[in-house]
Amino acid sequence: MTANRSNSMQLGRDLTTTLLISTYNKPEYLRRTLESVARQTILPDEVVIADDGSTDETRQLIEEMQKRISIPIRHVWHPDDGFRKCEILNKALAQAKGEYIIQTDGDIILDRHFIADHLEMVERGYFVCGSRILLPEEITRKILSGTQELPRLRDGKIGFWLNGLRIGWLRHYLTKRFGKKAERGIRGCNTAYWKSDLIAVNGFNEDITGWGAEDAELAFRMMHNGVRKKILKMGGIVYHMWHPLSSDARLQINEAILREVKNDPGRIRCENGIDKHLSEA
């Protein structure tokens, strides 16, 4: 075992962790996500659910799962006023107690080693980006209906099969060698970062509303602030359940915000971010 790997594993054991899950009106998807949390070989210290205005059905599901899972689950909700994912993520992060945030979505099934693999990657001065396996509609329906309990590697679309392999030595070999292009591999459904690094750049940019670009925009501001990127391959496996695509009506606007940040290394803090929620937490 290399010294860096040993140091990361020790650091991962010593810190407090929050699993951050975003959701909106998909309670049966969220149920599968939380069930996969309960199966983890290493549990996070808490789960914080960032709920962008779901109906009461989601609240009832979370209350049910709070009784079934042995770690605290906090439900952070605001009224439905359009796609405001960045705002609810900031509100949830303001309440998160963990030093280290592992982030995913409420339509994701986590491999049972997901948290453990992320904790192997922990290092000061880095954030981590993982991959995903896209599940087809037919397999997703089987999982949601209960006719199939867990996804299998062969269930995923063929182009994503490599994202389902878990090989320890290769995971550590690739982490700083793979995905050199700055924006490659940045996905909010499988990422991790120090909460202090997020606060230093003022969190997610709430000027980004609607679907698209929020994860990459945050990542570039953190990189401008000296935080480097690791790629988590051959581990940290997640399965993304099929669902109809969200509207991309604001994608061009969001991508314009992303380009401005990407092309200006001095853009570190966003103006409309997490700071206003920290005083309320």
C-alpha atoms as a PDB file:
ATOM      1  CA  MET A   1       0.000   0.000   0.000  1.00  0.00           C
ATOM      2  CA  THR A   2       1.412   3.400  -0.966  1.00  0.00           C
ATOM      3  CA  ALA A   3       1.902   6.133   1.625  1.00  0.00           C
ATOM      4  CA  ASN A   4      -0.676   8.387  -0.095  1.00  0.00           C
ATOM      5  CA  ARG A   5      -3.283   5.623  -0.106  1.00  0.00           C
ATOM      6  CA  SER A   6      -2.619   4.813   3.546  1.00  0.00           C
ATOM      7  CA  ASN A   7      -2.870   8.492   4.513  1.00  0.00           C
ATOM      8  CA  SER A   8      -6.157   8.901   2.632  1.00  0.00           C
ATOM      9  CA  MET A   9      -7.659   5.830   4.290  1.00  0.00           C
ATOM     10  CA  GLN A  10      -6.671   7.088   7.752  1.00  0.00           C
ATOM     11  CA  LEU A  11      -8.041  10.552   6.984  1.00  0.00           C
ATOM     12  CA  GLY A  12     -11.282   8.999   5.738  1.00  0.00           C
ATOM     13  CA  ARG A  13     -11.677   7.067   8.995  1.00  0.00           C
ATOM     14  CA  ASP A  14     -11.111  10.139  11.155  1.00  0.00           C
ATOM     15  CA  LEU A  15     -13.411  12.715   9.564  1.00  0.00           C
ATOM     16  CA  THR A  16     -17.180  13.200   9.784  1.00  0.00           C
ATOM     17  CA  THR A  17     -19.170  12.649   6.609  1.00  0.00           C
ATOM     18  CA  THR A  18     -22.490  13.828   5.209  1.00  0.00           C
ATOM     19  CA  LEU A  19     -24.188  12.030   2.336  1.00  0.00           C
ATOM     20  CA  LEU A  20     -26.090  14.737   0.447  1.00  0.00           C
ATOM     21  CA  ILE A  21     -29.002  13.533  -1.710  1.00  0.00           C
ATOM     22  CA  SER A  22     -31.034  15.808  -3.982  1.00  0.00           C
ATOM     23  CA  THR A  23     -34.629  14.905  -4.851  1.00  0.00           C
ATOM     24  CA  TYR A  24     -37.832  16.191  -6.388  1.00  0.00           C
ATOM     25  CA  ASN A  25     -41.095  14.252  -6.509  1.00  0.00           C
ATOM     26  CA  LYS A  26     -39.648  10.784  -7.089  1.00  0.00           C
ATOM     27  CA  PRO A  27     -40.405   9.009  -3.788  1.00  0.00           C
ATOM     28  CA  GLU A  28     -40.099   5.456  -5.153  1.00  0.00           C
ATOM     29  CA  TYR A  29     -36.741   6.314  -6.695  1.00  0.00           C
ATOM     30  CA  LEU A  30     -35.634   7.897  -3.417  1.00  0.00           C
ATOM     31  CA  ARG A  31     -36.721   4.757  -1.571  1.00  0.00           C
ATOM     32  CA  ARG A  32     -34.275   2.692  -3.659  1.00  0.00           C
ATOM     33  CA  THR A  33     -31.538   5.243  -3.054  1.00  0.00           C
ATOM     34  CA  LEU A  34     -32.021   5.155   0.713  1.00  0.00           C
ATOM     35  CA  GLU A  35     -32.215   1.359   0.748  1.00  0.00           C
ATOM     36  CA  SER A  36     -28.825   1.320  -0.963  1.00  0.00           C
ATOM     37  CA  VAL A  37     -27.511   3.669   1.741  1.00  0.00           C
ATOM     38  CA  ALA A  38     -28.588   1.158   4.387  1.00  0.00           C
ATOM     39  CA  ARG A  39     -26.519  -1.556   2.658  1.00  0.00           C
ATOM     40  CA  GLN A  40     -23.246   0.388   2.750  1.00  0.00           C
ATOM     41  CA  THR A  41     -20.172  -1.349   4.165  1.00  0.00           C
ATOM     42  CA  ILE A  42     -19.312   1.981   5.796  1.00  0.00           C
ATOM     43  CA  LEU A  43     -22.165   4.299   6.682  1.00  0.00           C
ATOM     44  CA  PRO A  44     -21.900   8.091   6.507  1.00  0.00           C
ATOM     45  CA  ASP A  45     -22.407   9.954   9.770  1.00  0.00           C
ATOM     46  CA  GLU A  46     -25.622  11.463   8.455  1.00  0.00           C
ATOM     47  CA  VAL A  47     -27.821  11.791   5.389  1.00  0.00           C
ATOM     48  CA  VAL A  48     -29.162  15.195   4.371  1.00  0.00           C
ATOM     49  CA  ILE A  49     -31.877  15.237   1.710  1.00  0.00           C
ATOM     50  CA  ALA A  50     -32.131  18.415  -0.369  1.00  0.00           C
ATOM     51  CA  ASP A  51     -35.767  18.461  -1.506  1.00  0.00           C
ATOM     52  CA  ASP A  52     -36.672  21.016  -4.169  1.00  0.00           C
ATOM     53  CA  GLY A  53     -40.372  21.203  -3.249  1.00  0.00           C
ATOM     54  CA  SER A  54     -41.705  17.648  -3.379  1.00  0.00           C
ATOM     55  CA  THR A  55     -45.225  16.813  -2.274  1.00  0.00           C
ATOM     56  CA  ASP A  56     -46.134  15.187   1.034  1.00  0.00           C
ATOM     57  CA  GLU A  57     -45.546  11.701  -0.345  1.00  0.00           C
ATOM     58  CA  THR A  58     -41.792  12.276  -0.239  1.00  0.00           C
ATOM     59  CA  ARG A  59     -41.947  13.541   3.343  1.00  0.00           C
ATOM     60  CA  GLN A  60     -43.862  10.415   4.389  1.00  0.00           C
ATOM     61  CA  LEU A  61     -41.294   8.171   2.706  1.00  0.00           C
ATOM     62  CA  ILE A  62     -38.428   9.933   4.468  1.00  0.00           C
ATOM     63  CA  GLU A  63     -40.162   9.572   7.839  1.00  0.00           C
ATOM     64  CA  GLU A  64     -40.557   5.850   7.147  1.00  0.00           C
ATOM     65  CA  MET A  65     -36.887   5.457   6.195  1.00  0.00           C
ATOM     66  CA  GLN A  66     -35.761   7.441   9.244  1.00  0.00           C
ATOM     67  CA  LYS A  67     -37.123   4.550  11.318  1.00  0.00           C
ATOM     68  CA  ARG A  68     -35.362   1.909   9.215  1.00  0.00           C
ATOM     69  CA  ILE A  69     -31.860   3.387   8.869  1.00  0.00           C
ATOM     70  CA  SER A  70     -29.571   3.622  11.874  1.00  0.00           C
ATOM     71  CA  ILE A  71     -28.049   7.025  11.069  1.00  0.00           C
ATOM     72  CA  PRO A  72     -29.671  10.480  11.196  1.00  0.00           C
ATOM     73  CA  ILE A  73     -31.608  11.487   8.075  1.00  0.00           C
ATOM     74  CA  ARG A  74     -32.406  15.184   7.806  1.00  0.00           C
ATOM     75  CA  HIS A  75     -35.029  16.456   5.346  1.00  0.00           C
ATOM     76  CA  VAL A  76     -34.387  20.000   4.080  1.00  0.00           C
ATOM     77  CA  TRP A  77     -37.320  21.257   1.994  1.00  0.00           C
ATOM     78  CA  HIS A  78     -38.533  24.455   0.417  1.00  0.00           C
ATOM     79  CA  PRO A  79     -41.761  25.184  -1.521  1.00  0.00           C
ATOM     80  CA  ASP A  80     -41.964  24.265  -5.184  1.00  0.00           C
ATOM     81  CA  ASP A  81     -41.236  27.422  -7.165  1.00  0.00           C
ATOM     82  CA  GLY A  82     -39.618  25.973 -10.260  1.00  0.00           C
ATOM     83  CA  PHE A  83     -36.287  24.160 -10.648  1.00  0.00           C
ATOM     84  CA  ARG A  84     -34.168  25.620  -7.827  1.00  0.00           C
ATOM     85  CA  LYS A  85     -31.702  22.810  -7.235  1.00  0.00           C
ATOM     86  CA  CYS A  86     -28.759  25.088  -6.437  1.00  0.00           C
ATOM     87  CA  GLU A  87     -30.733  26.925  -3.772  1.00  0.00           C
ATOM     88  CA  ILE A  88     -31.952  23.779  -2.011  1.00  0.00           C
ATOM     89  CA  LEU A  89     -28.478  22.242  -2.181  1.00  0.00           C
ATOM     90  CA  ASN A  90     -27.072  25.319  -0.471  1.00  0.00           C
ATOM     91  CA  LYS A  91     -29.795  25.226   2.182  1.00  0.00           C
ATOM     92  CA  ALA A  92     -29.079  21.549   2.843  1.00  0.00           C
ATOM     93  CA  LEU A  93     -25.305  22.056   2.888  1.00  0.00           C
ATOM     94  CA  ALA A  94     -25.700  24.903   5.377  1.00  0.00           C
ATOM     95  CA  GLN A  95     -27.265  22.369   7.764  1.00  0.00           C
ATOM     96  CA  ALA A  96     -24.822  19.536   7.042  1.00  0.00           C
ATOM     97  CA  LYS A  97     -22.658  18.631  10.034  1.00  0.00           C
ATOM     98  CA  GLY A  98     -20.037  16.611   8.169  1.00  0.00           C
ATOM     99  CA  GLU A  99     -16.587  17.943   7.365  1.00  0.00           C
ATOM    100  CA  TYR A 100     -16.667  15.996   4.120  1.00  0.00           C
ATOM    101  CA  ILE A 101     -19.617  15.928   1.736  1.00  0.00           C
ATOM    102  CA  ILE A 102     -20.373  12.973  -0.532  1.00  0.00           C
ATOM    103  CA  GLN A 103     -23.065  13.972  -3.008  1.00  0.00           C
ATOM    104  CA  THR A 104     -25.519  11.960  -5.076  1.00  0.00           C
ATOM    105  CA  ASP A 105     -29.076  12.165  -6.393  1.00  0.00           C
ATOM    106  CA  GLY A 106     -32.343  10.569  -5.346  1.00  0.00           C
ATOM    107  CA  ASP A 107     -32.585   8.524  -8.551  1.00  0.00           C
ATOM    108  CA  ILE A 108     -29.311   6.673  -7.921  1.00  0.00           C
ATOM    109  CA  ILE A 109     -28.652   3.205  -6.513  1.00  0.00           C
ATOM    110  CA  LEU A 110     -25.311   3.068  -4.702  1.00  0.00           C
ATOM    111  CA  ASP A 111     -23.038   0.059  -4.813  1.00  0.00           C
ATOM    112  CA  ARG A 112     -22.493  -1.158  -1.247  1.00  0.00           C
ATOM    113  CA  HIS A 113     -18.863   0.030  -1.300  1.00  0.00           C
ATOM    114  CA  PHE A 114     -19.754   3.534  -2.519  1.00  0.00           C
ATOM    115  CA  ILE A 115     -19.017   5.398   0.716  1.00  0.00           C
ATOM    116  CA  ALA A 116     -15.950   3.250   1.472  1.00  0.00           C
ATOM    117  CA  ASP A 117     -14.480   3.904  -1.981  1.00  0.00           C
ATOM    118  CA  HIS A 118     -14.989   7.646  -1.638  1.00  0.00           C
ATOM    119  CA  LEU A 119     -13.334   7.644   1.772  1.00  0.00           C
ATOM    120  CA  GLU A 120     -10.276   5.980   0.215  1.00  0.00           C
ATOM    121  CA  MET A 121      -9.933   9.043  -2.040  1.00  0.00           C
ATOM    122  CA  VAL A 122     -10.063  11.699   0.680  1.00  0.00           C
ATOM    123  CA  GLU A 123      -7.208  14.188   0.499  1.00  0.00           C
ATOM    124  CA  ARG A 124      -6.869  17.800   1.554  1.00  0.00           C
ATOM    125  CA  GLY A 125      -6.872  20.126  -1.422  1.00  0.00           C
ATOM    126  CA  TYR A 126      -8.897  17.811  -3.680  1.00  0.00           C
ATOM    127  CA  PHE A 127     -12.471  17.164  -4.705  1.00  0.00           C
ATOM    128  CA  VAL A 128     -13.488  13.840  -6.245  1.00  0.00           C
ATOM    129  CA  CYS A 129     -15.588  13.039  -9.321  1.00  0.00           C
ATOM    130  CA  GLY A 130     -16.989   9.568  -9.948  1.00  0.00           C
ATOM    131  CA  SER A 131     -18.831   7.896 -12.828  1.00  0.00           C
ATOM    132  CA  ARG A 132     -22.262   6.325 -13.326  1.00  0.00           C
ATOM    133  CA  ILE A 133     -24.002   3.465 -15.095  1.00  0.00           C
ATOM    134  CA  LEU A 134     -27.194   4.371 -16.927  1.00  0.00           C
ATOM    135  CA  LEU A 135     -29.977   1.835 -16.489  1.00  0.00           C
ATOM    136  CA  PRO A 136     -32.494   1.337 -19.285  1.00  0.00           C
ATOM    137  CA  GLU A 137     -36.200   1.959 -18.767  1.00  0.00           C
ATOM    138  CA  GLU A 138     -37.108  -1.753 -18.587  1.00  0.00           C
ATOM    139  CA  ILE A 139     -34.598  -2.525 -15.804  1.00  0.00           C
ATOM    140  CA  THR A 140     -35.596   0.603 -13.898  1.00  0.00           C
ATOM    141  CA  ARG A 141     -39.252  -0.436 -13.977  1.00  0.00           C
ATOM    142  CA  LYS A 142     -38.355  -3.889 -12.633  1.00  0.00           C
ATOM    143  CA  ILE A 143     -36.421  -2.353  -9.751  1.00  0.00           C
ATOM    144  CA  LEU A 144     -39.147   0.144  -8.910  1.00  0.00           C
ATOM    145  CA  SER A 145     -41.826  -2.555  -9.023  1.00  0.00           C
ATOM    146  CA  GLY A 146     -39.810  -4.899  -6.812  1.00  0.00           C
ATOM    147  CA  THR A 147     -39.507  -7.692  -9.390  1.00  0.00           C
ATOM    148  CA  GLN A 148     -35.727  -7.114  -9.338  1.00  0.00           C
ATOM    149  CA  GLU A 149     -34.004  -6.034  -6.141  1.00  0.00           C
ATOM    150  CA  LEU A 150     -30.612  -4.770  -7.292  1.00  0.00           C
ATOM    151  CA  PRO A 151     -29.114  -3.726 -10.619  1.00  0.00           C
ATOM    152  CA  ARG A 152     -26.375  -5.832 -12.189  1.00  0.00           C
ATOM    153  CA  LEU A 153     -23.481  -4.715 -14.330  1.00  0.00           C
ATOM    154  CA  ARG A 154     -24.984  -6.356 -17.410  1.00  0.00           C
ATOM    155  CA  ASP A 155     -28.178  -4.372 -16.881  1.00  0.00           C
ATOM    156  CA  GLY A 156     -26.443  -1.122 -17.763  1.00  0.00           C
ATOM    157  CA  LYS A 157     -26.021   0.271 -21.220  1.00  0.00           C
ATOM    158  CA  ILE A 158     -22.979  -1.322 -22.858  1.00  0.00           C
ATOM    159  CA  GLY A 159     -21.027   1.906 -23.192  1.00  0.00           C
ATOM    160  CA  PHE A 160     -21.079   2.297 -19.404  1.00  0.00           C
ATOM    161  CA  TRP A 161     -19.915  -1.192 -18.392  1.00  0.00           C
ATOM    162  CA  LEU A 162     -16.412  -0.049 -17.486  1.00  0.00           C
ATOM    163  CA  ASN A 163     -17.990   2.223 -14.874  1.00  0.00           C
ATOM    164  CA  GLY A 164     -19.193  -0.899 -13.052  1.00  0.00           C
ATOM    165  CA  LEU A 165     -15.772  -2.455 -12.432  1.00  0.00           C
ATOM    166  CA  ARG A 166     -14.207  -2.265  -8.958  1.00  0.00           C
ATOM    167  CA  ILE A 167     -10.435  -2.866  -8.857  1.00  0.00           C
ATOM    168  CA  GLY A 168      -8.570  -1.366  -5.904  1.00  0.00           C
ATOM    169  CA  TRP A 169      -5.025  -0.963  -7.225  1.00  0.00           C
ATOM    170  CA  LEU A 170      -6.262   0.419 -10.556  1.00  0.00           C
ATOM    171  CA  ARG A 171      -8.601   2.817  -8.752  1.00  0.00           C
ATOM    172  CA  HIS A 172      -5.641   4.399  -6.986  1.00  0.00           C
ATOM    173  CA  TYR A 173      -3.419   4.348 -10.056  1.00  0.00           C
ATOM    174  CA  LEU A 174      -5.976   6.237 -12.174  1.00  0.00           C
ATOM    175  CA  THR A 175      -7.185   8.789  -9.642  1.00  0.00           C
ATOM    176  CA  LYS A 176      -4.774  11.585 -10.627  1.00  0.00           C
ATOM    177  CA  ARG A 177      -3.943  10.289 -14.110  1.00  0.00           C
ATOM    178  CA  PHE A 178      -7.376   9.873 -15.706  1.00  0.00           C
ATOM    179  CA  GLY A 179      -9.642  12.662 -16.929  1.00  0.00           C
ATOM    180  CA  LYS A 180      -7.074  15.444 -17.204  1.00  0.00           C
ATOM    181  CA  LYS A 181      -9.471  17.632 -19.172  1.00  0.00           C
ATOM    182  CA  ALA A 182     -10.860  20.027 -16.576  1.00  0.00           C
ATOM    183  CA  GLU A 183     -14.577  19.396 -17.050  1.00  0.00           C
ATOM    184  CA  ARG A 184     -14.365  15.664 -17.674  1.00  0.00           C
ATOM    185  CA  GLY A 185     -16.124  13.497 -15.126  1.00  0.00           C
ATOM    186  CA  ILE A 186     -17.894  16.248 -13.187  1.00  0.00           C
ATOM    187  CA  ARG A 187     -21.252  14.779 -12.159  1.00  0.00           C
ATOM    188  CA  GLY A 188     -23.308  15.821  -9.148  1.00  0.00           C
ATOM    189  CA  CYS A 189     -24.683  12.295  -8.784  1.00  0.00           C
ATOM    190  CA  ASN A 190     -21.226  11.036  -7.784  1.00  0.00           C
ATOM    191  CA  THR A 191     -18.919  13.627  -6.294  1.00  0.00           C
ATOM    192  CA  ALA A 192     -17.283  14.532  -2.974  1.00  0.00           C
ATOM    193  CA  TYR A 193     -15.620  17.608  -1.497  1.00  0.00           C
ATOM    194  CA  TRP A 194     -14.622  19.265   1.750  1.00  0.00           C
ATOM    195  CA  LYS A 195     -17.394  21.470   3.090  1.00  0.00           C
ATOM    196  CA  SER A 196     -14.824  24.165   3.862  1.00  0.00           C
ATOM    197  CA  ASP A 197     -13.729  24.206   0.194  1.00  0.00           C
ATOM    198  CA  LEU A 198     -17.355  24.646  -0.877  1.00  0.00           C
ATOM    199  CA  ILE A 199     -17.935  27.497   1.569  1.00  0.00           C
ATOM    200  CA  ALA A 200     -14.730  29.203   0.417  1.00  0.00           C
ATOM    201  CA  VAL A 201     -16.259  29.679  -3.055  1.00  0.00           C
ATOM    202  CA  ASN A 202     -19.743  30.468  -1.646  1.00  0.00           C
ATOM    203  CA  GLY A 203     -21.340  27.171  -2.604  1.00  0.00           C
ATOM    204  CA  PHE A 204     -23.597  26.549  -5.573  1.00  0.00           C
ATOM    205  CA  ASN A 205     -24.468  29.504  -7.781  1.00  0.00           C
ATOM    206  CA  GLU A 206     -28.174  30.212  -7.308  1.00  0.00           C
ATOM    207  CA  ASP A 207     -28.243  32.296 -10.479  1.00  0.00           C
ATOM    208  CA  ILE A 208     -28.263  28.882 -12.179  1.00  0.00           C
ATOM    209  CA  THR A 209     -31.855  27.666 -12.227  1.00  0.00           C
ATOM    210  CA  GLY A 210     -33.349  24.912 -14.313  1.00  0.00           C
ATOM    211  CA  TRP A 211     -31.403  21.858 -15.430  1.00  0.00           C
ATOM    212  CA  GLY A 212     -27.730  21.862 -16.321  1.00  0.00           C
ATOM    213  CA  ALA A 213     -24.205  23.159 -15.646  1.00  0.00           C
ATOM    214  CA  GLU A 214     -24.413  23.739 -11.874  1.00  0.00           C
ATOM    215  CA  ASP A 215     -21.916  21.005 -10.984  1.00  0.00           C
ATOM    216  CA  ALA A 216     -19.275  22.062 -13.522  1.00  0.00           C
ATOM    217  CA  GLU A 217     -19.640  25.741 -12.605  1.00  0.00           C
ATOM    218  CA  LEU A 218     -18.963  24.962  -8.940  1.00  0.00           C
ATOM    219  CA  ALA A 219     -16.041  22.696  -9.851  1.00  0.00           C
ATOM    220  CA  PHE A 220     -14.336  25.398 -11.920  1.00  0.00           C
ATOM    221  CA  ARG A 221     -14.620  27.948  -9.124  1.00  0.00           C
ATOM    222  CA  MET A 222     -13.070  25.455  -6.702  1.00  0.00           C
ATOM    223  CA  MET A 223     -10.264  24.737  -9.172  1.00  0.00           C
ATOM    224  CA  HIS A 224      -9.675  28.490  -9.595  1.00  0.00           C
ATOM    225  CA  ASN A 225      -9.307  28.571  -5.813  1.00  0.00           C
ATOM    226  CA  GLY A 226      -6.557  25.946  -5.891  1.00  0.00           C
ATOM    227  CA  VAL A 227      -8.607  22.807  -5.190  1.00  0.00           C
ATOM    228  CA  ARG A 228      -7.555  20.030  -7.545  1.00  0.00           C
ATOM    229  CA  LYS A 229      -9.612  17.227  -9.032  1.00  0.00           C
ATOM    230  CA  LYS A 230      -9.391  13.483  -8.537  1.00  0.00           C
ATOM    231  CA  ILE A 231     -11.277  10.991 -10.681  1.00  0.00           C
ATOM    232  CA  LEU A 232     -12.846   7.968  -9.005  1.00  0.00           C
ATOM    233  CA  LYS A 233     -12.753   5.085 -11.509  1.00  0.00           C
ATOM    234  CA  MET A 234     -12.867   1.360 -10.741  1.00  0.00           C
ATOM    235  CA  GLY A 235     -14.893   2.107  -7.628  1.00  0.00           C
ATOM    236  CA  GLY A 236     -17.601   4.366  -6.229  1.00  0.00           C
ATOM    237  CA  ILE A 237     -20.085   2.602  -8.505  1.00  0.00           C
ATOM    238  CA  VAL A 238     -23.560   4.072  -8.935  1.00  0.00           C
ATOM    239  CA  TYR A 239     -26.544   3.089 -11.072  1.00  0.00           C
ATOM    240  CA  HIS A 240     -28.667   5.891 -12.497  1.00  0.00           C
ATOM    241  CA  MET A 241     -32.297   4.831 -12.843  1.00  0.00           C
ATOM    242  CA  TRP A 242     -34.092   5.821 -16.027  1.00  0.00           C
ATOM    243  CA  HIS A 243     -36.619   8.643 -15.967  1.00  0.00           C
ATOM    244  CA  PRO A 244     -37.921  11.194 -18.477  1.00  0.00           C
ATOM    245  CA  LEU A 245     -35.438  14.004 -19.075  1.00  0.00           C
ATOM    246  CA  SER A 246     -35.857  17.337 -17.331  1.00  0.00           C
ATOM    247  CA  SER A 247     -36.545  20.421 -19.395  1.00  0.00           C
ATOM    248  CA  ASP A 248     -33.397  22.031 -20.794  1.00  0.00           C
ATOM    249  CA  ALA A 249     -35.110  25.373 -21.396  1.00  0.00           C
ATOM    250  CA  ARG A 250     -32.486  27.272 -19.399  1.00  0.00           C
ATOM    251  CA  LEU A 251     -29.485  25.222 -20.479  1.00  0.00           C
ATOM    252  CA  GLN A 252     -28.084  27.884 -22.826  1.00  0.00           C
ATOM    253  CA  ILE A 253     -28.299  30.506 -20.076  1.00  0.00           C
ATOM    254  CA  ASN A 254     -26.643  28.189 -17.565  1.00  0.00           C
ATOM    255  CA  GLU A 255     -23.898  27.226 -20.009  1.00  0.00           C
ATOM    256  CA  ALA A 256     -23.197  30.921 -20.635  1.00  0.00           C
ATOM    257  CA  ILE A 257     -22.658  31.377 -16.877  1.00  0.00           C
ATOM    258  CA  LEU A 258     -20.378  28.328 -16.916  1.00  0.00           C
ATOM    259  CA  ARG A 259     -18.310  29.709 -19.831  1.00  0.00           C
ATOM    260  CA  GLU A 260     -17.796  33.012 -18.048  1.00  0.00           C
ATOM    261  CA  VAL A 261     -16.465  31.238 -14.977  1.00  0.00           C
ATOM    262  CA  LYS A 262     -14.402  28.727 -16.952  1.00  0.00           C
ATOM    263  CA  ASN A 263     -12.645  31.475 -18.914  1.00  0.00           C
ATOM    264  CA  ASP A 264     -11.919  33.728 -15.935  1.00  0.00           C
ATOM    265  CA  PRO A 265      -9.470  32.206 -13.401  1.00  0.00           C
ATOM    266  CA  GLY A 266     -10.263  35.072 -11.046  1.00  0.00           C
ATOM    267  CA  ARG A 267     -13.882  33.963 -10.671  1.00  0.00           C
ATOM    268  CA  ILE A 268     -13.856  32.117  -7.361  1.00  0.00           C
ATOM    269  CA  ARG A 269     -16.850  33.203  -5.302  1.00  0.00           C
ATOM    270  CA  CYS A 270     -20.335  33.482  -6.724  1.00  0.00           C
ATOM    271  CA  GLU A 271     -22.417  36.402  -5.494  1.00  0.00           C
ATOM    272  CA  ASN A 272     -25.653  34.487  -5.017  1.00  0.00           C
ATOM    273  CA  GLY A 273     -24.563  31.508  -2.957  1.00  0.00           C
ATOM    274  CA  ILE A 274     -24.568  29.681   0.361  1.00  0.00           C
ATOM    275  CA  ASP A 275     -23.507  32.528   2.649  1.00  0.00           C
ATOM    276  CA  LYS A 276     -27.052  33.822   3.199  1.00  0.00           C
ATOM    277  CA  HIS A 277     -28.166  30.371   4.378  1.00  0.00           C
ATOM    278  CA  LEU A 278     -25.299  29.811   6.815  1.00  0.00           C
ATOM    279  CA  SER A 279     -26.675  32.377   9.258  1.00  0.00           C
ATOM    280  CA  GLU A 280     -30.044  30.613   9.190  1.00  0.00           C
ATOM    281  CA  ALA A 281     -28.667  27.113   9.899  1.00  0.00           C
END
